[in-house]
Amino acid sequence: ELLETDLYLPLVVLANKQDNQGACSITTLHEALSLEEVGDQRKL
């Protein structure tokens, strides 16, 4: 929803709590948030 407002706004996702047991991998989070859909014009 936030990304819809600006198709070129750079995005920095911080996967916090990576030190916790059971934290997902970066790849899993990328898939869970569907980051492949954020657009080719955006820095991610």
PDB file of all heavy atoms in Angstrom:
ATOM      1  N   GLU A   1       0.837  -1.203   0.000  1.00  0.00           N
ATOM      2  CA  GLU A   1       0.000   0.000   0.000  1.00  0.00           C
ATOM      3  C   GLU A   1       0.874   1.255   0.000  1.00  0.00           C
ATOM      4  O   GLU A   1       0.594   2.220  -0.719  1.00  0.00           O
ATOM      5  CB  GLU A   1      -0.936   0.008   1.210  1.00  0.00           C
ATOM      6  CG  GLU A   1      -2.081  -0.969   1.106  1.00  0.00           C
ATOM      7  CD  GLU A   1      -2.897  -1.085   2.382  1.00  0.00           C
ATOM      8  OE1 GLU A   1      -2.545  -0.449   3.408  1.00  0.00           O
ATOM      9  OE2 GLU A   1      -3.896  -1.826   2.376  1.00  0.00           O
ATOM     10  N   LEU A   2       1.918   1.244   0.806  1.00  0.00           N
ATOM     11  CA  LEU A   2       2.825   2.390   0.863  1.00  0.00           C
ATOM     12  C   LEU A   2       3.546   2.593  -0.470  1.00  0.00           C
ATOM     13  O   LEU A   2       3.744   3.722  -0.917  1.00  0.00           O
ATOM     14  CB  LEU A   2       3.861   2.204   1.977  1.00  0.00           C
ATOM     15  CG  LEU A   2       3.350   2.309   3.402  1.00  0.00           C
ATOM     16  CD1 LEU A   2       4.403   1.814   4.388  1.00  0.00           C
ATOM     17  CD2 LEU A   2       2.956   3.752   3.713  1.00  0.00           C
ATOM     18  N   LEU A   3       3.928   1.503  -1.098  1.00  0.00           N
ATOM     19  CA  LEU A   3       4.696   1.585  -2.337  1.00  0.00           C
ATOM     20  C   LEU A   3       3.869   2.094  -3.516  1.00  0.00           C
ATOM     21  O   LEU A   3       4.436   2.623  -4.477  1.00  0.00           O
ATOM     22  CB  LEU A   3       5.291   0.216  -2.680  1.00  0.00           C
ATOM     23  CG  LEU A   3       6.355  -0.279  -1.709  1.00  0.00           C
ATOM     24  CD1 LEU A   3       6.775  -1.696  -2.066  1.00  0.00           C
ATOM     25  CD2 LEU A   3       7.548   0.658  -1.669  1.00  0.00           C
ATOM     26  N   GLU A   4       2.559   1.960  -3.447  1.00  0.00           N
ATOM     27  CA  GLU A   4       1.694   2.420  -4.527  1.00  0.00           C
ATOM     28  C   GLU A   4       1.768   3.931  -4.721  1.00  0.00           C
ATOM     29  O   GLU A   4       1.486   4.427  -5.817  1.00  0.00           O
ATOM     30  CB  GLU A   4       0.242   2.023  -4.266  1.00  0.00           C
ATOM     31  CG  GLU A   4      -0.036   0.560  -4.431  1.00  0.00           C
ATOM     32  CD  GLU A   4      -1.461   0.191  -4.048  1.00  0.00           C
ATOM     33  OE1 GLU A   4      -2.270   1.091  -3.727  1.00  0.00           O
ATOM     34  OE2 GLU A   4      -1.766  -1.008  -4.061  1.00  0.00           O
ATOM     35  N   THR A   5       2.149   4.658  -3.704  1.00  0.00           N
ATOM     36  CA  THR A   5       2.138   6.118  -3.773  1.00  0.00           C
ATOM     37  C   THR A   5       3.292   6.692  -4.587  1.00  0.00           C
ATOM     38  O   THR A   5       3.206   7.819  -5.058  1.00  0.00           O
ATOM     39  CB  THR A   5       2.162   6.743  -2.363  1.00  0.00           C
ATOM     40  OG1 THR A   5       3.373   6.358  -1.706  1.00  0.00           O
ATOM     41  CG2 THR A   5       0.965   6.288  -1.540  1.00  0.00           C
ATOM     42  N   ASP A   6       4.377   5.940  -4.749  1.00  0.00           N
ATOM     43  CA  ASP A   6       5.534   6.431  -5.502  1.00  0.00           C
ATOM     44  C   ASP A   6       6.253   5.233  -6.115  1.00  0.00           C
ATOM     45  O   ASP A   6       6.906   4.466  -5.406  1.00  0.00           O
ATOM     46  CB  ASP A   6       6.473   7.221  -4.587  1.00  0.00           C
ATOM     47  CG  ASP A   6       7.626   7.872  -5.328  1.00  0.00           C
ATOM     48  OD1 ASP A   6       7.970   7.418  -6.448  1.00  0.00           O
ATOM     49  OD2 ASP A   6       8.202   8.831  -4.794  1.00  0.00           O
ATOM     50  N   LEU A   7       6.165   5.098  -7.424  1.00  0.00           N
ATOM     51  CA  LEU A   7       6.715   3.929  -8.112  1.00  0.00           C
ATOM     52  C   LEU A   7       8.240   3.912  -8.175  1.00  0.00           C
ATOM     53  O   LEU A   7       8.831   2.894  -8.522  1.00  0.00           O
ATOM     54  CB  LEU A   7       6.148   3.837  -9.531  1.00  0.00           C
ATOM     55  CG  LEU A   7       4.632   3.700  -9.618  1.00  0.00           C
ATOM     56  CD1 LEU A   7       4.188   3.694 -11.065  1.00  0.00           C
ATOM     57  CD2 LEU A   7       4.157   2.451  -8.905  1.00  0.00           C
ATOM     58  N   TYR A   8       8.875   5.044  -7.845  1.00  0.00           N
ATOM     59  CA  TYR A   8      10.332   5.134  -7.945  1.00  0.00           C
ATOM     60  C   TYR A   8      11.021   5.304  -6.599  1.00  0.00           C
ATOM     61  O   TYR A   8      12.245   5.371  -6.542  1.00  0.00           O
ATOM     62  CB  TYR A   8      10.715   6.293  -8.874  1.00  0.00           C
ATOM     63  CG  TYR A   8      10.158   6.105 -10.264  1.00  0.00           C
ATOM     64  CD1 TYR A   8       8.993   6.756 -10.653  1.00  0.00           C
ATOM     65  CD2 TYR A   8      10.780   5.260 -11.164  1.00  0.00           C
ATOM     66  CE1 TYR A   8       8.473   6.572 -11.929  1.00  0.00           C
ATOM     67  CE2 TYR A   8      10.261   5.067 -12.444  1.00  0.00           C
ATOM     68  CZ  TYR A   8       9.112   5.726 -12.812  1.00  0.00           C
ATOM     69  OH  TYR A   8       8.599   5.533 -14.057  1.00  0.00           O
ATOM     70  N   LEU A   9      10.262   5.397  -5.536  1.00  0.00           N
ATOM     71  CA  LEU A   9      10.833   5.609  -4.209  1.00  0.00           C
ATOM     72  C   LEU A   9      11.713   4.424  -3.809  1.00  0.00           C
ATOM     73  O   LEU A   9      11.257   3.284  -3.807  1.00  0.00           O
ATOM     74  CB  LEU A   9       9.703   5.778  -3.181  1.00  0.00           C
ATOM     75  CG  LEU A   9      10.106   6.112  -1.748  1.00  0.00           C
ATOM     76  CD1 LEU A   9      10.759   7.491  -1.689  1.00  0.00           C
ATOM     77  CD2 LEU A   9       8.891   6.066  -0.834  1.00  0.00           C
ATOM     78  N   PRO A  10      12.991   4.671  -3.491  1.00  0.00           N
ATOM     79  CA  PRO A  10      13.855   3.579  -3.051  1.00  0.00           C
ATOM     80  C   PRO A  10      13.296   2.931  -1.776  1.00  0.00           C
ATOM     81  O   PRO A  10      12.722   3.606  -0.923  1.00  0.00           O
ATOM     82  CB  PRO A  10      15.194   4.262  -2.769  1.00  0.00           C
ATOM     83  CG  PRO A  10      15.154   5.532  -3.552  1.00  0.00           C
ATOM     84  CD  PRO A  10      13.713   5.944  -3.561  1.00  0.00           C
ATOM     85  N   LEU A  11      13.505   1.623  -1.673  1.00  0.00           N
ATOM     86  CA  LEU A  11      12.978   0.857  -0.547  1.00  0.00           C
ATOM     87  C   LEU A  11      14.113   0.137   0.172  1.00  0.00           C
ATOM     88  O   LEU A  11      14.891  -0.584  -0.455  1.00  0.00           O
ATOM     89  CB  LEU A  11      11.961  -0.174  -1.042  1.00  0.00           C
ATOM     90  CG  LEU A  11      11.446  -1.188  -0.025  1.00  0.00           C
ATOM     91  CD1 LEU A  11      10.703  -0.498   1.131  1.00  0.00           C
ATOM     92  CD2 LEU A  11      10.548  -2.216  -0.715  1.00  0.00           C
ATOM     93  N   VAL A  12      14.184   0.350   1.477  1.00  0.00           N
ATOM     94  CA  VAL A  12      15.118  -0.381   2.334  1.00  0.00           C
ATOM     95  C   VAL A  12      14.274  -1.172   3.324  1.00  0.00           C
ATOM     96  O   VAL A  12      13.548  -0.595   4.131  1.00  0.00           O
ATOM     97  CB  VAL A  12      16.076   0.564   3.093  1.00  0.00           C
ATOM     98  CG1 VAL A  12      16.979  -0.223   4.028  1.00  0.00           C
ATOM     99  CG2 VAL A  12      16.895   1.403   2.115  1.00  0.00           C
ATOM    100  N   VAL A  13      14.336  -2.493   3.235  1.00  0.00           N
ATOM    101  CA  VAL A  13      13.628  -3.362   4.174  1.00  0.00           C
ATOM    102  C   VAL A  13      14.650  -3.888   5.169  1.00  0.00           C
ATOM    103  O   VAL A  13      15.662  -4.475   4.779  1.00  0.00           O
ATOM    104  CB  VAL A  13      12.931  -4.539   3.445  1.00  0.00           C
ATOM    105  CG1 VAL A  13      12.258  -5.458   4.458  1.00  0.00           C
ATOM    106  CG2 VAL A  13      11.922  -4.025   2.438  1.00  0.00           C
ATOM    107  N   LEU A  14      14.380  -3.651   6.445  1.00  0.00           N
ATOM    108  CA  LEU A  14      15.247  -4.151   7.501  1.00  0.00           C
ATOM    109  C   LEU A  14      14.585  -5.369   8.122  1.00  0.00           C
ATOM    110  O   LEU A  14      13.522  -5.268   8.733  1.00  0.00           O
ATOM    111  CB  LEU A  14      15.490  -3.074   8.562  1.00  0.00           C
ATOM    112  CG  LEU A  14      16.134  -1.783   8.049  1.00  0.00           C
ATOM    113  CD1 LEU A  14      16.312  -0.796   9.194  1.00  0.00           C
ATOM    114  CD2 LEU A  14      17.464  -2.072   7.369  1.00  0.00           C
ATOM    115  N   ALA A  15      15.204  -6.522   7.916  1.00  0.00           N
ATOM    116  CA  ALA A  15      14.712  -7.780   8.491  1.00  0.00           C
ATOM    117  C   ALA A  15      15.289  -7.875   9.898  1.00  0.00           C
ATOM    118  O   ALA A  15      16.380  -8.397  10.096  1.00  0.00           O
ATOM    119  CB  ALA A  15      15.149  -8.955   7.622  1.00  0.00           C
ATOM    120  N   ASN A  16      14.563  -7.331  10.846  1.00  0.00           N
ATOM    121  CA  ASN A  16      15.061  -7.246  12.217  1.00  0.00           C
ATOM    122  C   ASN A  16      14.912  -8.583  12.952  1.00  0.00           C
ATOM    123  O   ASN A  16      14.176  -9.459  12.531  1.00  0.00           O
ATOM    124  CB  ASN A  16      14.331  -6.135  12.973  1.00  0.00           C
ATOM    125  CG  ASN A  16      15.098  -5.686  14.194  1.00  0.00           C
ATOM    126  OD1 ASN A  16      16.308  -5.805  14.257  1.00  0.00           O
ATOM    127  ND2 ASN A  16      14.387  -5.172  15.170  1.00  0.00           N
ATOM    128  N   LYS A  17      15.626  -8.705  14.043  1.00  0.00           N
ATOM    129  CA  LYS A  17      15.628  -9.871  14.928  1.00  0.00           C
ATOM    130  C   LYS A  17      16.214 -11.111  14.249  1.00  0.00           C
ATOM    131  O   LYS A  17      15.813 -12.234  14.519  1.00  0.00           O
ATOM    132  CB  LYS A  17      14.229 -10.152  15.481  1.00  0.00           C
ATOM    133  CG  LYS A  17      13.677  -9.002  16.311  1.00  0.00           C
ATOM    134  CD  LYS A  17      12.381  -9.372  16.972  1.00  0.00           C
ATOM    135  CE  LYS A  17      11.849  -8.192  17.776  1.00  0.00           C
ATOM    136  NZ  LYS A  17      10.582  -8.512  18.421  1.00  0.00           N
ATOM    137  N   GLN A  18      17.181 -10.891  13.383  1.00  0.00           N
ATOM    138  CA  GLN A  18      17.844 -12.001  12.715  1.00  0.00           C
ATOM    139  C   GLN A  18      18.616 -12.877  13.696  1.00  0.00           C
ATOM    140  O   GLN A  18      18.942 -14.015  13.376  1.00  0.00           O
ATOM    141  CB  GLN A  18      18.793 -11.480  11.629  1.00  0.00           C
ATOM    142  CG  GLN A  18      18.090 -11.030  10.375  1.00  0.00           C
ATOM    143  CD  GLN A  18      17.523 -12.185   9.589  1.00  0.00           C
ATOM    144  OE1 GLN A  18      18.271 -13.035   9.118  1.00  0.00           O
ATOM    145  NE2 GLN A  18      16.213 -12.236   9.464  1.00  0.00           N
ATOM    146  N   ASP A  19      18.880 -12.360  14.883  1.00  0.00           N
ATOM    147  CA  ASP A  19      19.599 -13.133  15.895  1.00  0.00           C
ATOM    148  C   ASP A  19      18.692 -14.081  16.671  1.00  0.00           C
ATOM    149  O   ASP A  19      19.167 -14.941  17.396  1.00  0.00           O
ATOM    150  CB  ASP A  19      20.326 -12.196  16.867  1.00  0.00           C
ATOM    151  CG  ASP A  19      19.378 -11.218  17.555  1.00  0.00           C
ATOM    152  OD1 ASP A  19      18.367 -10.815  16.944  1.00  0.00           O
ATOM    153  OD2 ASP A  19      19.654 -10.847  18.702  1.00  0.00           O
ATOM    154  N   ASN A  20      17.374 -13.948  16.504  1.00  0.00           N
ATOM    155  CA  ASN A  20      16.435 -14.825  17.219  1.00  0.00           C
ATOM    156  C   ASN A  20      16.369 -16.202  16.573  1.00  0.00           C
ATOM    157  O   ASN A  20      16.365 -16.315  15.344  1.00  0.00           O
ATOM    158  CB  ASN A  20      15.026 -14.234  17.229  1.00  0.00           C
ATOM    159  CG  ASN A  20      14.878 -13.077  18.189  1.00  0.00           C
ATOM    160  OD1 ASN A  20      15.830 -12.662  18.831  1.00  0.00           O
ATOM    161  ND2 ASN A  20      13.683 -12.539  18.264  1.00  0.00           N
ATOM    162  N   GLN A  21      16.301 -17.207  17.421  1.00  0.00           N
ATOM    163  CA  GLN A  21      16.105 -18.552  16.893  1.00  0.00           C
ATOM    164  C   GLN A  21      14.737 -18.593  16.210  1.00  0.00           C
ATOM    165  O   GLN A  21      13.755 -18.089  16.733  1.00  0.00           O
ATOM    166  CB  GLN A  21      16.162 -19.574  18.017  1.00  0.00           C
ATOM    167  CG  GLN A  21      16.187 -20.995  17.513  1.00  0.00           C
ATOM    168  CD  GLN A  21      16.572 -21.968  18.609  1.00  0.00           C
ATOM    169  OE1 GLN A  21      16.988 -21.596  19.686  1.00  0.00           O
ATOM    170  NE2 GLN A  21      16.425 -23.240  18.314  1.00  0.00           N
ATOM    171  N   GLY A  22      14.677 -19.153  15.038  1.00  0.00           N
ATOM    172  CA  GLY A  22      13.421 -19.222  14.297  1.00  0.00           C
ATOM    173  C   GLY A  22      13.201 -18.056  13.353  1.00  0.00           C
ATOM    174  O   GLY A  22      12.178 -18.014  12.665  1.00  0.00           O
ATOM    175  N   ALA A  23      14.138 -17.123  13.318  1.00  0.00           N
ATOM    176  CA  ALA A  23      14.010 -16.009  12.372  1.00  0.00           C
ATOM    177  C   ALA A  23      14.132 -16.557  10.956  1.00  0.00           C
ATOM    178  O   ALA A  23      14.915 -17.459  10.683  1.00  0.00           O
ATOM    179  CB  ALA A  23      15.085 -14.961  12.629  1.00  0.00           C
ATOM    180  N   CYS A  24      13.337 -16.015  10.059  1.00  0.00           N
ATOM    181  CA  CYS A  24      13.371 -16.491   8.677  1.00  0.00           C
ATOM    182  C   CYS A  24      14.611 -15.952   7.972  1.00  0.00           C
ATOM    183  O   CYS A  24      15.210 -14.973   8.388  1.00  0.00           O
ATOM    184  CB  CYS A  24      12.110 -16.076   7.940  1.00  0.00           C
ATOM    185  SG  CYS A  24      12.071 -14.352   7.488  1.00  0.00           S
ATOM    186  N   SER A  25      14.935 -16.589   6.881  1.00  0.00           N
ATOM    187  CA  SER A  25      16.065 -16.137   6.074  1.00  0.00           C
ATOM    188  C   SER A  25      15.658 -14.912   5.262  1.00  0.00           C
ATOM    189  O   SER A  25      14.466 -14.609   5.101  1.00  0.00           O
ATOM    190  CB  SER A  25      16.514 -17.251   5.137  1.00  0.00           C
ATOM    191  OG  SER A  25      15.522 -17.470   4.142  1.00  0.00           O
ATOM    192  N   ILE A  26      16.651 -14.240   4.738  1.00  0.00           N
ATOM    193  CA  ILE A  26      16.398 -13.084   3.883  1.00  0.00           C
ATOM    194  C   ILE A  26      15.603 -13.513   2.642  1.00  0.00           C
ATOM    195  O   ILE A  26      14.680 -12.833   2.213  1.00  0.00           O
ATOM    196  CB  ILE A  26      17.735 -12.421   3.481  1.00  0.00           C
ATOM    197  CG1 ILE A  26      18.448 -11.863   4.726  1.00  0.00           C
ATOM    198  CG2 ILE A  26      17.524 -11.336   2.442  1.00  0.00           C
ATOM    199  CD1 ILE A  26      17.710 -10.786   5.459  1.00  0.00           C
ATOM    200  N   THR A  27      15.956 -14.657   2.086  1.00  0.00           N
ATOM    201  CA  THR A  27      15.253 -15.168   0.900  1.00  0.00           C
ATOM    202  C   THR A  27      13.782 -15.440   1.207  1.00  0.00           C
ATOM    203  O   THR A  27      12.895 -15.079   0.422  1.00  0.00           O
ATOM    204  CB  THR A  27      15.927 -16.459   0.386  1.00  0.00           C
ATOM    205  OG1 THR A  27      17.287 -16.175   0.096  1.00  0.00           O
ATOM    206  CG2 THR A  27      15.232 -16.997  -0.846  1.00  0.00           C
ATOM    207  N   THR A  28      13.521 -16.055   2.355  1.00  0.00           N
ATOM    208  CA  THR A  28      12.135 -16.338   2.747  1.00  0.00           C
ATOM    209  C   THR A  28      11.347 -15.050   2.932  1.00  0.00           C
ATOM    210  O   THR A  28      10.195 -14.945   2.494  1.00  0.00           O
ATOM    211  CB  THR A  28      12.105 -17.182   4.039  1.00  0.00           C
ATOM    212  OG1 THR A  28      12.791 -18.406   3.795  1.00  0.00           O
ATOM    213  CG2 THR A  28      10.688 -17.454   4.499  1.00  0.00           C
ATOM    214  N   LEU A  29      11.961 -14.061   3.546  1.00  0.00           N
ATOM    215  CA  LEU A  29      11.275 -12.783   3.752  1.00  0.00           C
ATOM    216  C   LEU A  29      11.029 -12.085   2.412  1.00  0.00           C
ATOM    217  O   LEU A  29       9.956 -11.515   2.189  1.00  0.00           O
ATOM    218  CB  LEU A  29      12.071 -11.882   4.685  1.00  0.00           C
ATOM    219  CG  LEU A  29      11.369 -10.593   5.089  1.00  0.00           C
ATOM    220  CD1 LEU A  29      10.052 -10.885   5.812  1.00  0.00           C
ATOM    221  CD2 LEU A  29      12.266  -9.746   5.961  1.00  0.00           C
ATOM    222  N   HIS A  30      11.986 -12.148   1.517  1.00  0.00           N
ATOM    223  CA  HIS A  30      11.833 -11.564   0.179  1.00  0.00           C
ATOM    224  C   HIS A  30      10.592 -12.151  -0.498  1.00  0.00           C
ATOM    225  O   HIS A  30       9.770 -11.423  -1.078  1.00  0.00           O
ATOM    226  CB  HIS A  30      13.090 -11.834  -0.646  1.00  0.00           C
ATOM    227  CG  HIS A  30      13.123 -11.140  -1.969  1.00  0.00           C
ATOM    228  ND1 HIS A  30      12.422 -11.593  -3.065  1.00  0.00           N
ATOM    229  CD2 HIS A  30      13.763 -10.026  -2.364  1.00  0.00           C
ATOM    230  CE1 HIS A  30      12.637 -10.792  -4.081  1.00  0.00           C
ATOM    231  NE2 HIS A  30      13.464  -9.821  -3.689  1.00  0.00           N
ATOM    232  N   GLU A  31      10.445 -13.471  -0.403  1.00  0.00           N
ATOM    233  CA  GLU A  31       9.292 -14.145  -1.003  1.00  0.00           C
ATOM    234  C   GLU A  31       7.998 -13.814  -0.262  1.00  0.00           C
ATOM    235  O   GLU A  31       6.969 -13.543  -0.889  1.00  0.00           O
ATOM    236  CB  GLU A  31       9.518 -15.653  -1.015  1.00  0.00           C
ATOM    237  CG  GLU A  31      10.637 -16.087  -1.944  1.00  0.00           C
ATOM    238  CD  GLU A  31      11.046 -17.536  -1.771  1.00  0.00           C
ATOM    239  OE1 GLU A  31      10.473 -18.244  -0.903  1.00  0.00           O
ATOM    240  OE2 GLU A  31      11.957 -17.961  -2.499  1.00  0.00           O
ATOM    241  N   ALA A  32       8.038 -13.814   1.076  1.00  0.00           N
ATOM    242  CA  ALA A  32       6.830 -13.563   1.873  1.00  0.00           C
ATOM    243  C   ALA A  32       6.273 -12.162   1.651  1.00  0.00           C
ATOM    244  O   ALA A  32       5.054 -11.962   1.682  1.00  0.00           O
ATOM    245  CB  ALA A  32       7.129 -13.779   3.358  1.00  0.00           C
ATOM    246  N   LEU A  33       7.154 -11.196   1.408  1.00  0.00           N
ATOM    247  CA  LEU A  33       6.712  -9.822   1.173  1.00  0.00           C
ATOM    248  C   LEU A  33       6.490  -9.528  -0.309  1.00  0.00           C
ATOM    249  O   LEU A  33       6.141  -8.402  -0.674  1.00  0.00           O
ATOM    250  CB  LEU A  33       7.739  -8.834   1.743  1.00  0.00           C
ATOM    251  CG  LEU A  33       7.946  -8.870   3.251  1.00  0.00           C
ATOM    252  CD1 LEU A  33       9.012  -7.864   3.668  1.00  0.00           C
ATOM    253  CD2 LEU A  33       6.656  -8.638   4.016  1.00  0.00           C
ATOM    254  N   SER A  34       6.691 -10.543  -1.153  1.00  0.00           N
ATOM    255  CA  SER A  34       6.542 -10.388  -2.605  1.00  0.00           C
ATOM    256  C   SER A  34       7.346  -9.197  -3.127  1.00  0.00           C
ATOM    257  O   SER A  34       6.843  -8.361  -3.893  1.00  0.00           O
ATOM    258  CB  SER A  34       5.068 -10.252  -2.997  1.00  0.00           C
ATOM    259  OG  SER A  34       4.356 -11.412  -2.647  1.00  0.00           O
ATOM    260  N   LEU A  35       8.594  -9.143  -2.715  1.00  0.00           N
ATOM    261  CA  LEU A  35       9.418  -8.006  -3.114  1.00  0.00           C
ATOM    262  C   LEU A  35       9.758  -8.022  -4.602  1.00  0.00           C
ATOM    263  O   LEU A  35      10.129  -6.988  -5.155  1.00  0.00           O
ATOM    264  CB  LEU A  35      10.695  -7.959  -2.264  1.00  0.00           C
ATOM    265  CG  LEU A  35      10.459  -7.662  -0.783  1.00  0.00           C
ATOM    266  CD1 LEU A  35      11.764  -7.666  -0.018  1.00  0.00           C
ATOM    267  CD2 LEU A  35       9.730  -6.336  -0.603  1.00  0.00           C
ATOM    268  N   GLU A  36       9.588  -9.170  -5.244  1.00  0.00           N
ATOM    269  CA  GLU A  36       9.810  -9.225  -6.693  1.00  0.00           C
ATOM    270  C   GLU A  36       8.763  -8.403  -7.442  1.00  0.00           C
ATOM    271  O   GLU A  36       8.955  -8.066  -8.612  1.00  0.00           O
ATOM    272  CB  GLU A  36       9.811 -10.680  -7.198  1.00  0.00           C
ATOM    273  CG  GLU A  36       8.465 -11.368  -7.150  1.00  0.00           C
ATOM    274  CD  GLU A  36       8.066 -11.928  -5.787  1.00  0.00           C
ATOM    275  OE1 GLU A  36       8.864 -11.808  -4.829  1.00  0.00           O
ATOM    276  OE2 GLU A  36       6.961 -12.461  -5.675  1.00  0.00           O
ATOM    277  N   GLU A  37       7.699  -8.014  -6.761  1.00  0.00           N
ATOM    278  CA  GLU A  37       6.621  -7.246  -7.382  1.00  0.00           C
ATOM    279  C   GLU A  37       6.755  -5.733  -7.207  1.00  0.00           C
ATOM    280  O   GLU A  37       5.886  -4.992  -7.654  1.00  0.00           O
ATOM    281  CB  GLU A  37       5.273  -7.675  -6.790  1.00  0.00           C
ATOM    282  CG  GLU A  37       4.908  -9.112  -7.053  1.00  0.00           C
ATOM    283  CD  GLU A  37       3.631  -9.529  -6.340  1.00  0.00           C
ATOM    284  OE1 GLU A  37       2.935  -8.656  -5.770  1.00  0.00           O
ATOM    285  OE2 GLU A  37       3.326 -10.730  -6.359  1.00  0.00           O
ATOM    286  N   VAL A  38       7.811  -5.270  -6.556  1.00  0.00           N
ATOM    287  CA  VAL A  38       7.886  -3.839  -6.234  1.00  0.00           C
ATOM    288  C   VAL A  38       8.285  -2.967  -7.416  1.00  0.00           C
ATOM    289  O   VAL A  38       8.259  -1.749  -7.314  1.00  0.00           O
ATOM    290  CB  VAL A  38       8.805  -3.556  -5.023  1.00  0.00           C
ATOM    291  CG1 VAL A  38       8.312  -4.267  -3.798  1.00  0.00           C
ATOM    292  CG2 VAL A  38      10.248  -3.882  -5.330  1.00  0.00           C
ATOM    293  N   GLY A  39       8.652  -3.558  -8.522  1.00  0.00           N
ATOM    294  CA  GLY A  39       8.931  -2.786  -9.730  1.00  0.00           C
ATOM    295  C   GLY A  39      10.397  -2.754 -10.090  1.00  0.00           C
ATOM    296  O   GLY A  39      11.261  -2.731  -9.222  1.00  0.00           O
ATOM    297  N   ASP A  40      10.639  -2.744 -11.376  1.00  0.00           N
ATOM    298  CA  ASP A  40      12.006  -2.736 -11.886  1.00  0.00           C
ATOM    299  C   ASP A  40      12.666  -1.365 -11.779  1.00  0.00           C
ATOM    300  O   ASP A  40      13.885  -1.259 -11.847  1.00  0.00           O
ATOM    301  CB  ASP A  40      12.020  -3.188 -13.349  1.00  0.00           C
ATOM    302  CG  ASP A  40      11.587  -4.627 -13.514  1.00  0.00           C
ATOM    303  OD1 ASP A  40      11.776  -5.414 -12.563  1.00  0.00           O
ATOM    304  OD2 ASP A  40      11.053  -4.965 -14.586  1.00  0.00           O
ATOM    305  N   GLN A  41      11.872  -0.313 -11.646  1.00  0.00           N
ATOM    306  CA  GLN A  41      12.405   1.050 -11.595  1.00  0.00           C
ATOM    307  C   GLN A  41      12.848   1.464 -10.193  1.00  0.00           C
ATOM    308  O   GLN A  41      13.495   2.477 -10.027  1.00  0.00           O
ATOM    309  CB  GLN A  41      11.348   2.036 -12.095  1.00  0.00           C
ATOM    310  CG  GLN A  41      10.845   1.743 -13.472  1.00  0.00           C
ATOM    311  CD  GLN A  41      11.947   1.800 -14.525  1.00  0.00           C
ATOM    312  OE1 GLN A  41      12.860   2.607 -14.428  1.00  0.00           O
ATOM    313  NE2 GLN A  41      11.876   0.918 -15.499  1.00  0.00           N
ATOM    314  N   ARG A  42      12.516   0.675  -9.204  1.00  0.00           N
ATOM    315  CA  ARG A  42      12.772   1.033  -7.806  1.00  0.00           C
ATOM    316  C   ARG A  42      14.066   0.386  -7.310  1.00  0.00           C
ATOM    317  O   ARG A  42      14.319  -0.787  -7.554  1.00  0.00           O
ATOM    318  CB  ARG A  42      11.603   0.540  -6.953  1.00  0.00           C
ATOM    319  CG  ARG A  42      11.696   0.880  -5.490  1.00  0.00           C
ATOM    320  CD  ARG A  42      10.609   0.202  -4.683  1.00  0.00           C
ATOM    321  NE  ARG A  42       9.297   0.268  -5.265  1.00  0.00           N
ATOM    322  CZ  ARG A  42       8.446   1.296  -5.136  1.00  0.00           C
ATOM    323  NH1 ARG A  42       8.787   2.342  -4.442  1.00  0.00           N
ATOM    324  NH2 ARG A  42       7.257   1.254  -5.709  1.00  0.00           N
ATOM    325  N   LYS A  43      14.870   1.152  -6.579  1.00  0.00           N
ATOM    326  CA  LYS A  43      16.024   0.573  -5.891  1.00  0.00           C
ATOM    327  C   LYS A  43      15.496  -0.174  -4.676  1.00  0.00           C
ATOM    328  O   LYS A  43      14.680   0.355  -3.917  1.00  0.00           O
ATOM    329  CB  LYS A  43      16.999   1.652  -5.443  1.00  0.00           C
ATOM    330  CG  LYS A  43      17.716   2.330  -6.577  1.00  0.00           C
ATOM    331  CD  LYS A  43      18.676   3.369  -6.045  1.00  0.00           C
ATOM    332  CE  LYS A  43      19.341   4.118  -7.163  1.00  0.00           C
ATOM    333  NZ  LYS A  43      20.206   5.188  -6.642  1.00  0.00           N
ATOM    334  N   LEU A  44      15.953  -1.406  -4.491  1.00  0.00           N
ATOM    335  CA  LEU A  44      15.474  -2.253  -3.399  1.00  0.00           C
ATOM    336  C   LEU A  44      16.661  -2.830  -2.652  1.00  0.00           C
ATOM    337  O   LEU A  44      17.596  -3.370  -3.263  1.00  0.00           O
ATOM    338  CB  LEU A  44      14.616  -3.391  -3.952  1.00  0.00           C
ATOM    339  CG  LEU A  44      14.261  -4.532  -2.989  1.00  0.00           C
ATOM    340  CD1 LEU A  44      13.384  -4.021  -1.849  1.00  0.00           C
ATOM    341  CD2 LEU A  44      13.584  -5.659  -3.736  1.00  0.00           C
TER     342      LEU A  44
END
